Amino acid sequence: MRSARILALAGTGAAYLVAGALLGFVLYFRPAEGNVPLPVIAVAGQPLRYGAPLHAQITQLGRHYLRSRIRLGDGEYEIAFSRRDLGAYVDYGMLERRIRYVVDHRADLDDFLRANEGSSLDRVNLDLPVRIDPAVARQAVLGVKYDYDRKPSPARLDMASRQVIPHTDGRLLVVDETIHNLEQGLNRGAAEVEISRVVIGAGARTEDLAGLDISKVLGWFETPYCMMKRCWDRNHNLALGGSILDGTIIGPGEVFSFNDALGERSEPRGFRLAPTIEEGVLVPTAGGGTCQTASTLHAAAFFAGLDVLERRPHSRPSGYILLGLDATVTYPNLNLKLSNPYPFPVVIHYVVADGKMRVEILGRERQRMVHFVRYITQRTPYDEKIVENPDWPVGVRVVTQLGIDGYRARRYRIQWEGSRAWREVTEDVYPPTTQIVEVGTGKGVPLKGFQIPEGDTHDPYQADKRIKYYMDENGEFQKIIANW
């Protein structure tokens, strides 16, 4: 009489499977010729029990597996997730089909055993067939990327102690490759998956700064700032920006980006609202005053002989700096970029105190003499606009925006290094700034007790037609105004 063994396999399947619910089944095992015994079937290292419902066993294994955590890392950074949170799910239908195949073909499993490492006729080891929901996995990996990515931080100099602050390389998580690594790791039951990344090297590296020599001032510039109470927020931004950039090292041939070095000017980063020029009009903006931080640096770099790769003048002349030496910046669109042409590192040094912002470019030796020559080629008178204000009494008149003439200026930078000399020529255009006068038209508004608003406090700007400005051999600036 033919003997039989029964393995009860029952279940309803996982609700999230695309194909729908799986039906349980009962298999009657008929030993093949030679009475080949049933092998031990292990799933994810856990032996299944004959005579117990199969689906209950494998779903219990699947739930435990999906609850277990997997680490994403690169040796420096690590974060852990449950496999379920990464979009993993078990294909129970495929697993049951594999088990059925083992049972039905246990006398002829050569090919199957070769495909399942560590298996034999006595014991068949099966992995959990894991699938991954691409949308869930991408969302999780993008969340990791937000935390993982960082910009490179070049080595800097603490100007107080003159000690080098070590560099930090930047890094970018590669989303699609990391998801691929994740799929492979989930399928093989790995406890850790490697993050695929791109490393962005820092420009000035710690090891390159041994014996750093900054004993000479290659170039410097100072600009004044208002110290009245109404200017305190702007002054705070000047001091904050200077402290962030102070000690920045620019290696030989390295490009310095003002926006990358200073970063976003926002209130969460400590910047305050202060007036900023936008399209010729003053408006309160987080980080107002940053253009003075950039302009002073540009002028110092100009006279230090650094290469100016990207620079744009303001939409109106600035009273704190010579027309032609200013630089406007907005994050992230308008930038100031400099390059170090010397065979040695240079250091940016800011001092913001007592109504003056001073920037020095420090290095091993001063190799270049630089002259700045500017010639006004065109001057355009400004217009005046009257704005009526019915909330003000009749007779009140306030200049809320001071008119500034427009200029077209040709500027020259003449440099000498040894017996070699060369000249750079650029042209700056400053459109005229409309003078805005606000007048009261409220006939029923009493003048008595009315607080007249303060108008535009900027000093009138007048540009000399011809000017030469240079730093002499003693490091002192000389200014020449002439009709040559």
Protein backbone atom coordinates (compact mmCIF):
# COMPACT_ATOMS: atom_id res chain seq x y z
CA MET A 1 0.00 0.00 0.00
CA ARG A 2 1.35 3.38 -1.00
CA SER A 3 2.23 5.49 1.99
CA ALA A 4 1.48 9.20 2.16
CA ARG A 5 2.60 12.16 4.17
CA ILE A 6 0.66 15.34 4.59
CA LEU A 7 2.04 18.87 4.82
CA ALA A 8 -0.73 21.35 5.58
CA LEU A 9 -0.24 24.67 3.92
CA ALA A 10 -2.87 27.35 4.48
CA GLY A 11 -3.19 31.11 4.31
CA THR A 12 -4.81 34.07 2.73
CA GLY A 13 -1.69 35.90 1.47
CA ALA A 14 -0.46 39.40 2.10
CA ALA A 15 -2.85 42.25 1.43
CA TYR A 16 -0.21 44.31 -0.36
CA LEU A 17 0.64 41.71 -3.02
CA VAL A 18 -0.27 42.96 -6.49
CA ALA A 19 -1.76 39.63 -7.55
CA GLY A 20 -4.21 39.59 -4.64
CA ALA A 21 -4.73 37.01 -1.88
CA LEU A 22 -2.95 33.65 -2.05
CA LEU A 23 -4.91 30.48 -1.32
CA GLY A 24 -3.61 27.91 1.13
CA PHE A 25 -3.05 24.39 -0.13
CA VAL A 26 -2.52 20.84 1.09
CA LEU A 27 0.04 18.62 -0.61
CA TYR A 28 0.09 14.88 -0.56
CA PHE A 29 3.69 13.68 -0.81
CA ARG A 30 4.23 10.45 -2.62
CA PRO A 31 7.82 9.23 -2.28
CA ALA A 32 9.49 8.69 -5.61
CA GLU A 33 11.13 5.45 -6.55
CA GLY A 34 13.68 4.53 -3.95
CA ASN A 35 11.53 6.14 -1.24
CA VAL A 36 13.44 9.48 -1.30
CA PRO A 37 12.74 11.10 2.09
CA LEU A 38 11.45 14.64 2.48
CA PRO A 39 14.28 17.16 2.97
CA VAL A 40 14.43 19.79 5.66
CA ILE A 41 13.21 23.01 4.06
CA ALA A 42 14.64 26.14 5.69
CA VAL A 43 13.53 29.68 4.79
CA ALA A 44 15.92 32.45 5.75
CA GLY A 45 17.73 29.88 7.94
CA GLN A 46 14.55 28.86 9.79
CA PRO A 47 13.42 25.20 9.24
CA LEU A 48 9.75 24.76 8.39
CA ARG A 49 7.65 22.26 10.34
CA TYR A 50 5.84 19.56 8.41
CA GLY A 51 2.24 19.16 9.49
CA ALA A 52 1.89 22.87 10.42
CA PRO A 53 0.16 25.47 8.19
CA LEU A 54 2.77 26.66 5.72
CA HIS A 55 1.41 30.12 5.10
CA ALA A 56 1.27 30.92 8.80
CA GLN A 57 4.91 29.88 9.11
CA ILE A 58 6.25 31.89 6.19
CA THR A 59 4.19 35.00 6.98
CA GLN A 60 5.53 34.93 10.53
CA LEU A 61 9.06 34.75 9.10
CA GLY A 62 8.24 37.55 6.66
CA ARG A 63 6.83 39.84 9.35
CA HIS A 64 9.88 39.29 11.54
CA TYR A 65 12.18 39.97 8.60
CA LEU A 66 10.36 43.17 7.58
CA ARG A 67 10.41 44.47 11.17
CA SER A 68 14.16 43.87 11.48
CA ARG A 69 16.42 46.82 10.79
CA ILE A 70 18.94 47.38 8.05
CA ARG A 71 21.71 49.96 8.14
CA LEU A 72 22.65 52.36 5.34
CA GLY A 73 26.16 53.71 5.66
CA ASP A 74 29.52 54.51 4.13
CA GLY A 75 31.89 53.93 7.06
CA GLU A 76 31.54 57.52 8.23
CA TYR A 77 27.76 57.99 8.20
CA GLU A 78 25.13 55.44 9.28
CA ILE A 79 21.35 55.36 9.63
CA ALA A 80 19.02 52.42 10.35
CA PHE A 81 15.52 51.64 9.01
CA SER A 82 13.11 48.76 9.30
CA ARG A 83 13.02 46.93 6.00
CA ARG A 84 9.31 47.66 5.70
CA ASP A 85 9.97 51.41 5.95
CA LEU A 86 12.32 51.08 2.97
CA GLY A 87 9.52 49.65 0.83
CA ALA A 88 10.41 45.96 1.19
CA TYR A 89 7.76 43.25 1.04
CA VAL A 90 7.86 39.45 0.68
CA ASP A 91 6.51 37.68 -2.39
CA TYR A 92 4.78 34.86 -0.55
CA GLY A 93 3.33 33.42 -3.74
CA MET A 94 6.78 32.86 -5.22
CA LEU A 95 8.02 31.34 -1.96
CA GLU A 96 5.15 28.85 -1.82
CA ARG A 97 5.80 27.86 -5.45
CA ARG A 98 9.47 27.20 -4.63
CA ILE A 99 8.52 25.05 -1.64
CA ARG A 100 6.00 23.12 -3.77
CA TYR A 101 8.71 22.52 -6.38
CA VAL A 102 11.14 21.16 -3.77
CA VAL A 103 8.53 18.78 -2.42
CA ASP A 104 7.33 17.60 -5.83
CA HIS A 105 10.82 17.19 -7.34
CA ARG A 106 12.88 16.14 -4.34
CA ALA A 107 14.41 13.21 -6.26
CA ASP A 108 15.66 15.44 -9.09
CA LEU A 109 16.86 18.76 -7.62
CA ASP A 110 20.39 19.03 -9.05
CA ASP A 111 19.83 22.32 -10.87
CA PHE A 112 17.76 23.75 -8.05
CA LEU A 113 20.39 22.85 -5.42
CA ARG A 114 23.17 24.44 -7.45
CA ALA A 115 21.15 27.70 -7.57
CA ASN A 116 20.59 27.69 -3.79
CA GLU A 117 23.92 27.86 -2.01
CA GLY A 118 24.42 25.54 0.95
CA SER A 119 21.54 23.24 -0.02
CA SER A 120 21.59 19.42 -0.31
CA LEU A 121 19.12 16.59 -0.80
CA ASP A 122 18.74 16.48 2.99
CA ARG A 123 18.36 20.23 3.56
CA VAL A 124 17.17 22.91 1.11
CA ASN A 125 17.90 26.51 2.09
CA LEU A 126 15.61 29.13 0.57
CA ASP A 127 15.87 32.91 0.80
CA LEU A 128 12.84 35.06 1.34
CA PRO A 129 11.96 36.44 -2.11
CA VAL A 130 11.92 40.13 -1.26
CA ARG A 131 10.51 42.80 -3.53
CA ILE A 132 10.75 46.55 -3.10
CA ASP A 133 8.23 49.31 -3.74
CA PRO A 134 10.28 51.81 -5.81
CA ALA A 135 8.23 54.83 -4.74
CA VAL A 136 8.62 54.08 -1.02
CA ALA A 137 12.32 53.28 -1.40
CA ARG A 138 12.97 56.50 -3.34
CA GLN A 139 11.16 58.60 -0.76
CA ALA A 140 13.20 57.04 2.05
CA VAL A 141 16.51 57.44 0.21
CA LEU A 142 15.70 61.04 -0.67
CA GLY A 143 15.12 61.68 3.03
CA VAL A 144 18.55 60.22 3.78
CA LYS A 145 20.08 62.34 1.01
CA TYR A 146 18.69 65.52 2.58
CA ASP A 147 20.55 64.69 5.80
CA TYR A 148 23.60 63.13 4.15
CA ASP A 149 24.65 65.65 1.50
CA ARG A 150 27.05 68.36 2.57
CA LYS A 151 29.17 70.98 0.90
CA PRO A 152 32.94 70.77 1.13
CA SER A 153 34.49 72.93 3.83
CA PRO A 154 38.04 73.96 2.98
CA ALA A 155 40.68 74.30 5.65
CA ARG A 156 40.53 77.69 7.34
CA LEU A 157 42.71 79.69 9.63
CA ASP A 158 41.61 80.79 13.08
CA MET A 159 42.96 84.32 12.88
CA ALA A 160 43.02 84.73 16.67
CA SER A 161 45.17 81.65 17.35
CA ARG A 162 46.64 81.36 13.82
CA GLN A 163 45.78 77.65 13.95
CA VAL A 164 44.51 75.75 10.91
CA ILE A 165 40.90 74.54 11.14
CA PRO A 166 40.85 71.16 9.30
CA HIS A 167 39.03 70.75 6.00
CA THR A 168 35.96 68.56 5.44
CA ASP A 169 35.28 66.95 2.07
CA GLY A 170 31.81 67.32 0.62
CA ARG A 171 29.63 64.37 -0.34
CA LEU A 172 26.56 63.70 -2.47
CA LEU A 173 24.36 60.60 -2.18
CA VAL A 174 23.63 59.01 -5.60
CA VAL A 175 19.95 58.09 -5.31
CA ASP A 176 19.46 55.50 -8.09
CA GLU A 177 22.65 53.57 -7.31
CA THR A 178 21.82 53.55 -3.59
CA ILE A 179 18.33 52.17 -4.35
CA HIS A 180 19.97 49.46 -6.49
CA ASN A 181 22.32 48.59 -3.61
CA LEU A 182 19.31 48.51 -1.33
CA GLU A 183 17.43 46.07 -3.56
CA GLN A 184 20.45 43.77 -3.71
CA GLY A 185 20.96 43.94 0.06
CA LEU A 186 17.31 43.26 0.85
CA ASN A 187 17.27 40.24 -1.46
CA ARG A 188 20.28 38.64 0.19
CA GLY A 189 19.20 39.55 3.73
CA ALA A 190 22.17 41.85 4.36
CA ALA A 191 22.35 43.71 7.64
CA GLU A 192 24.06 46.74 6.04
CA VAL A 193 23.86 48.41 2.64
CA GLU A 194 26.48 50.74 1.26
CA ILE A 195 25.49 54.27 0.31
CA SER A 196 26.61 55.14 -3.20
CA ARG A 197 28.19 58.57 -3.08
CA VAL A 198 30.30 61.14 -4.86
CA VAL A 199 33.03 62.81 -2.80
CA ILE A 200 33.69 66.50 -3.46
CA GLY A 201 37.17 67.47 -2.41
CA ALA A 202 37.72 70.61 -0.37
CA GLY A 203 39.86 73.19 -2.14
CA ALA A 204 42.30 74.06 0.62
CA ARG A 205 43.25 70.86 2.44
CA THR A 206 44.72 70.59 5.90
CA GLU A 207 47.81 68.68 4.78
CA ASP A 208 48.62 71.33 2.16
CA LEU A 209 48.96 74.09 4.74
CA ALA A 210 52.02 72.93 6.63
CA GLY A 211 54.27 75.94 7.15
CA LEU A 212 51.60 78.40 5.96
CA ASP A 213 53.17 81.85 5.62
CA ILE A 214 50.81 84.86 5.79
CA SER A 215 53.32 87.40 6.98
CA LYS A 216 52.66 89.92 4.16
CA VAL A 217 49.58 92.00 3.33
CA LEU A 218 49.14 91.58 -0.42
CA GLY A 219 46.23 94.00 -0.56
CA TRP A 220 43.64 95.57 1.70
CA PHE A 221 40.63 97.88 1.65
CA GLU A 222 38.40 99.63 4.18
CA THR A 223 34.81 100.82 3.92
CA PRO A 224 32.87 102.83 6.52
CA TYR A 225 29.52 101.90 8.00
CA CYS A 226 26.88 103.80 9.95
CA MET A 227 27.01 103.34 13.74
CA MET A 228 23.63 104.89 14.56
CA LYS A 229 20.93 102.79 16.20
CA ARG A 230 18.91 102.54 12.97
CA CYS A 231 21.89 100.74 11.39
CA TRP A 232 22.44 98.13 14.11
CA ASP A 233 20.76 95.26 12.26
CA ARG A 234 22.82 95.99 9.16
CA ASN A 235 25.97 96.18 11.27
CA HIS A 236 25.11 92.83 12.82
CA ASN A 237 25.03 91.33 9.32
CA LEU A 238 28.41 92.88 8.51
CA ALA A 239 29.97 91.40 11.64
CA LEU A 240 28.36 87.99 11.08
CA GLY A 241 29.43 87.81 7.44
CA GLY A 242 32.96 88.88 8.31
CA SER A 243 33.23 86.25 11.05
CA ILE A 244 32.11 83.49 8.66
CA LEU A 245 34.60 84.46 5.94
CA ASP A 246 37.49 85.41 8.22
CA GLY A 247 40.36 82.97 7.86
CA THR A 248 39.21 81.54 4.52
CA ILE A 249 42.17 80.07 2.65
CA ILE A 250 42.41 80.17 -1.14
CA GLY A 251 44.99 77.68 -2.40
CA PRO A 252 47.15 78.19 -5.51
CA GLY A 253 44.90 78.19 -8.55
CA GLU A 254 41.78 77.67 -6.42
CA VAL A 255 38.52 79.47 -7.15
CA PHE A 256 36.76 81.23 -4.26
CA SER A 257 32.97 81.59 -4.48
CA PHE A 258 31.48 84.23 -2.16
CA ASN A 259 28.01 82.64 -2.13
CA ASP A 260 29.37 79.16 -1.45
CA ALA A 261 31.66 80.40 1.32
CA LEU A 262 29.11 82.63 3.07
CA GLY A 263 26.05 80.49 2.35
CA GLU A 264 22.42 81.49 2.42
CA ARG A 265 21.59 84.76 4.14
CA SER A 266 18.56 83.84 6.22
CA GLU A 267 17.14 84.58 9.64
CA PRO A 268 17.58 80.96 10.88
CA ARG A 269 21.31 81.38 10.21
CA GLY A 270 21.42 84.55 12.28
CA PHE A 271 21.10 87.25 9.61
CA ARG A 272 18.74 90.15 10.29
CA LEU A 273 16.46 92.25 8.11
CA ALA A 274 18.18 95.35 6.79
CA PRO A 275 17.96 97.53 3.67
CA THR A 276 19.21 95.99 0.43
CA ILE A 277 19.33 97.47 -3.08
CA GLU A 278 17.02 95.57 -5.44
CA GLU A 279 16.60 97.00 -8.94
CA GLY A 280 17.69 100.39 -7.68
CA VAL A 281 15.26 100.46 -4.74
CA LEU A 282 16.04 99.89 -1.05
CA VAL A 283 13.99 97.07 0.47
CA PRO A 284 14.40 95.22 3.81
CA THR A 285 15.98 91.81 3.25
CA ALA A 286 17.54 89.14 5.46
CA GLY A 287 21.27 89.72 5.28
CA GLY A 288 21.00 93.35 4.18
CA GLY A 289 24.52 94.81 4.08
CA THR A 290 26.11 91.67 2.64
CA CYS A 291 26.97 93.60 -0.53
CA GLN A 292 29.33 95.74 1.56
CA THR A 293 30.97 92.54 2.79
CA ALA A 294 31.42 91.46 -0.85
CA SER A 295 32.46 94.89 -2.14
CA THR A 296 35.16 95.35 0.49
CA LEU A 297 36.51 91.88 -0.28
CA HIS A 298 36.43 92.59 -4.02
CA ALA A 299 38.40 95.81 -3.59
CA ALA A 300 41.01 94.12 -1.35
CA ALA A 301 41.37 91.24 -3.83
CA PHE A 302 41.56 93.73 -6.71
CA PHE A 303 44.59 95.45 -5.18
CA ALA A 304 46.12 92.15 -4.05
CA GLY A 305 46.26 91.06 -7.70
CA LEU A 306 43.81 88.16 -7.37
CA ASP A 307 41.99 87.22 -10.55
CA VAL A 308 38.37 88.42 -10.59
CA LEU A 309 36.40 85.74 -12.42
CA GLU A 310 32.87 86.95 -11.71
CA ARG A 311 31.70 90.31 -10.44
CA ARG A 312 28.75 92.59 -11.09
CA PRO A 313 28.35 96.25 -10.06
CA HIS A 314 25.36 97.53 -8.11
CA SER A 315 22.30 98.96 -9.79
CA ARG A 316 23.15 102.26 -8.07
CA PRO A 317 26.46 103.64 -6.73
CA SER A 318 27.21 102.92 -3.08
CA GLY A 319 28.37 105.73 -0.83
CA TYR A 320 30.73 103.48 1.14
CA ILE A 321 33.01 102.56 -1.78
CA LEU A 322 34.46 104.04 -4.94
CA LEU A 323 32.32 103.58 -8.00
CA GLY A 324 33.93 100.75 -9.97
CA LEU A 325 35.21 98.80 -6.95
CA ASP A 326 31.82 97.62 -5.66
CA ALA A 327 30.37 94.13 -6.13
CA THR A 328 26.74 93.15 -5.71
CA VAL A 329 25.74 89.66 -4.57
CA THR A 330 22.45 87.85 -4.01
CA TYR A 331 22.07 84.23 -2.97
CA PRO A 332 22.28 82.12 -5.06
CA ASN A 333 22.04 84.08 -8.32
CA LEU A 334 24.62 86.90 -8.30
CA ASN A 335 28.08 85.91 -7.13
CA LEU A 336 31.61 87.17 -6.62
CA LYS A 337 34.28 84.69 -7.70
CA LEU A 338 38.01 85.12 -7.23
CA SER A 339 41.01 82.98 -8.13
CA ASN A 340 44.46 82.82 -6.55
CA PRO A 341 47.14 83.22 -9.28
CA TYR A 342 50.06 82.80 -6.87
CA PRO A 343 52.08 79.63 -6.17
CA PHE A 344 51.25 79.90 -2.46
CA PRO A 345 48.00 80.02 -0.42
CA VAL A 346 46.42 83.34 0.52
CA VAL A 347 44.12 84.05 3.47
CA ILE A 348 41.13 86.40 3.70
CA HIS A 349 41.10 88.40 6.93
CA TYR A 350 38.09 90.51 8.03
CA VAL A 351 38.02 93.06 10.82
CA VAL A 352 34.67 94.77 11.53
CA ALA A 353 34.92 97.35 14.30
CA ASP A 354 34.63 101.06 15.13
CA GLY A 355 32.64 101.99 12.03
CA LYS A 356 35.00 100.36 9.54
CA MET A 357 35.07 97.07 7.69
CA ARG A 358 38.61 96.12 6.72
CA VAL A 359 39.59 93.19 4.53
CA GLU A 360 43.17 92.05 4.09
CA ILE A 361 44.52 89.45 1.67
CA LEU A 362 47.49 87.83 3.42
CA GLY A 363 50.22 85.70 1.87
CA ARG A 364 53.90 84.88 1.68
CA GLU A 365 55.04 87.82 -0.40
CA ARG A 366 53.66 90.75 -2.30
CA GLN A 367 54.50 90.11 -5.95
CA ARG A 368 52.31 92.61 -7.80
CA MET A 369 51.74 96.35 -7.90
CA VAL A 370 48.19 97.29 -8.87
CA HIS A 371 46.73 100.63 -10.04
CA PHE A 372 43.02 101.35 -10.38
CA VAL A 373 42.09 103.95 -12.98
CA ARG A 374 38.49 104.97 -13.64
CA TYR A 375 37.08 107.32 -16.25
CA ILE A 376 33.41 108.42 -16.34
CA THR A 377 32.34 108.25 -19.99
CA GLN A 378 28.68 109.18 -19.50
CA ARG A 379 26.51 110.79 -16.85
CA THR A 380 22.70 110.64 -16.91
CA PRO A 381 20.67 112.95 -14.62
CA TYR A 382 18.07 111.28 -12.44
CA ASP A 383 14.30 111.84 -12.67
CA GLU A 384 11.99 112.80 -9.82
CA LYS A 385 8.71 111.13 -8.97
CA ILE A 386 6.03 112.64 -6.74
CA VAL A 387 3.94 110.21 -4.69
CA GLU A 388 0.81 111.57 -3.01
CA ASN A 389 0.00 110.31 0.49
CA PRO A 390 -3.53 111.06 1.74
CA ASP A 391 -2.58 109.91 5.26
CA TRP A 392 -0.12 112.80 5.65
CA PRO A 393 -1.11 116.43 6.27
CA VAL A 394 -0.93 118.87 3.38
CA GLY A 395 2.50 120.51 3.22
CA VAL A 396 4.53 117.50 4.44
CA ARG A 397 7.21 116.65 1.91
CA VAL A 398 9.79 113.87 2.43
CA VAL A 399 12.44 112.52 0.07
CA THR A 400 11.94 108.80 0.64
CA GLN A 401 14.48 107.80 -2.00
CA LEU A 402 17.40 110.01 -2.85
CA GLY A 403 17.99 110.55 -6.55
CA ILE A 404 21.36 109.45 -7.94
CA ASP A 405 22.71 110.23 -11.39
CA GLY A 406 23.42 107.32 -13.68
CA TYR A 407 27.01 106.61 -14.78
CA ARG A 408 28.84 104.69 -17.44
CA ALA A 409 32.38 104.12 -16.26
CA ARG A 410 35.40 102.58 -17.91
CA ARG A 411 37.77 101.09 -15.40
CA TYR A 412 41.31 99.85 -15.76
CA ARG A 413 43.41 97.57 -13.60
CA ILE A 414 47.09 97.95 -14.40
CA GLN A 415 49.41 95.34 -12.86
CA TRP A 416 53.18 95.07 -12.63
CA GLU A 417 55.08 91.93 -11.69
CA GLY A 418 58.82 92.23 -12.15
CA SER A 419 59.48 93.46 -15.69
CA ARG A 420 56.03 92.42 -16.90
CA ALA A 421 52.98 94.70 -16.99
CA TRP A 422 49.46 94.24 -18.29
CA ARG A 423 46.12 96.02 -18.30
CA GLU A 424 42.54 94.84 -17.80
CA VAL A 425 39.66 96.98 -19.09
CA THR A 426 35.99 96.64 -18.12
CA GLU A 427 32.96 98.90 -18.30
CA ASP A 428 30.38 99.34 -15.55
CA VAL A 429 26.91 100.79 -16.05
CA TYR A 430 24.92 102.31 -13.19
CA PRO A 431 21.43 103.41 -14.28
CA PRO A 432 20.05 106.59 -12.69
CA THR A 433 18.07 106.14 -9.48
CA THR A 434 14.75 107.97 -9.49
CA GLN A 435 14.28 110.42 -6.66
CA ILE A 436 11.00 109.68 -4.91
CA VAL A 437 9.31 112.51 -3.02
CA GLU A 438 6.28 111.68 -0.90
CA VAL A 439 3.90 114.60 -0.29
CA GLY A 440 0.93 114.84 2.02
CA THR A 441 -2.51 115.44 0.48
CA GLY A 442 -4.72 114.75 3.51
CA LYS A 443 -6.58 118.05 3.97
CA GLY A 444 -8.35 116.77 7.03
CA VAL A 445 -5.18 115.47 8.70
CA PRO A 446 -3.91 117.93 11.36
CA LEU A 447 -0.26 118.91 11.11
CA LYS A 448 0.03 119.47 14.84
CA GLY A 449 1.37 116.35 16.56
CA PHE A 450 2.12 114.61 13.26
CA GLN A 451 5.49 112.80 13.32
CA ILE A 452 7.20 113.52 10.03
CA PRO A 453 8.90 110.33 8.77
CA GLU A 454 12.64 110.22 8.28
CA GLY A 455 13.61 110.28 4.62
CA ASP A 456 16.43 108.59 2.76
CA THR A 457 19.54 109.13 4.87
CA HIS A 458 22.09 108.25 2.21
CA ASP A 459 24.60 110.94 1.35
CA PRO A 460 24.36 112.36 -2.18
CA TYR A 461 26.73 110.52 -4.52
CA GLN A 462 29.03 112.38 -6.89
CA ALA A 463 31.70 110.57 -8.93
CA ASP A 464 34.95 112.24 -9.98
CA LYS A 465 35.34 112.11 -13.74
CA ARG A 466 38.91 110.78 -13.62
CA ILE A 467 40.60 109.06 -10.71
CA LYS A 468 43.66 106.95 -10.02
CA TYR A 469 43.87 104.87 -6.85
CA TYR A 470 46.73 102.59 -5.86
CA MET A 471 48.57 101.05 -2.92
CA ASP A 472 52.18 102.16 -2.75
CA GLU A 473 55.20 100.10 -1.74
CA ASN A 474 54.56 100.86 1.93
CA GLY A 475 51.03 99.50 1.74
CA GLU A 476 49.40 102.94 1.91
CA PHE A 477 46.76 104.07 -0.59
CA GLN A 478 47.34 107.04 -2.83
CA LYS A 479 44.47 108.81 -4.58
CA ILE A 480 44.91 111.11 -7.59
CA ILE A 481 42.09 113.13 -9.15
CA ALA A 482 43.06 114.92 -12.38
CA ASN A 483 41.84 116.06 -15.76
CA TRP A 484 44.36 114.01 -17.72
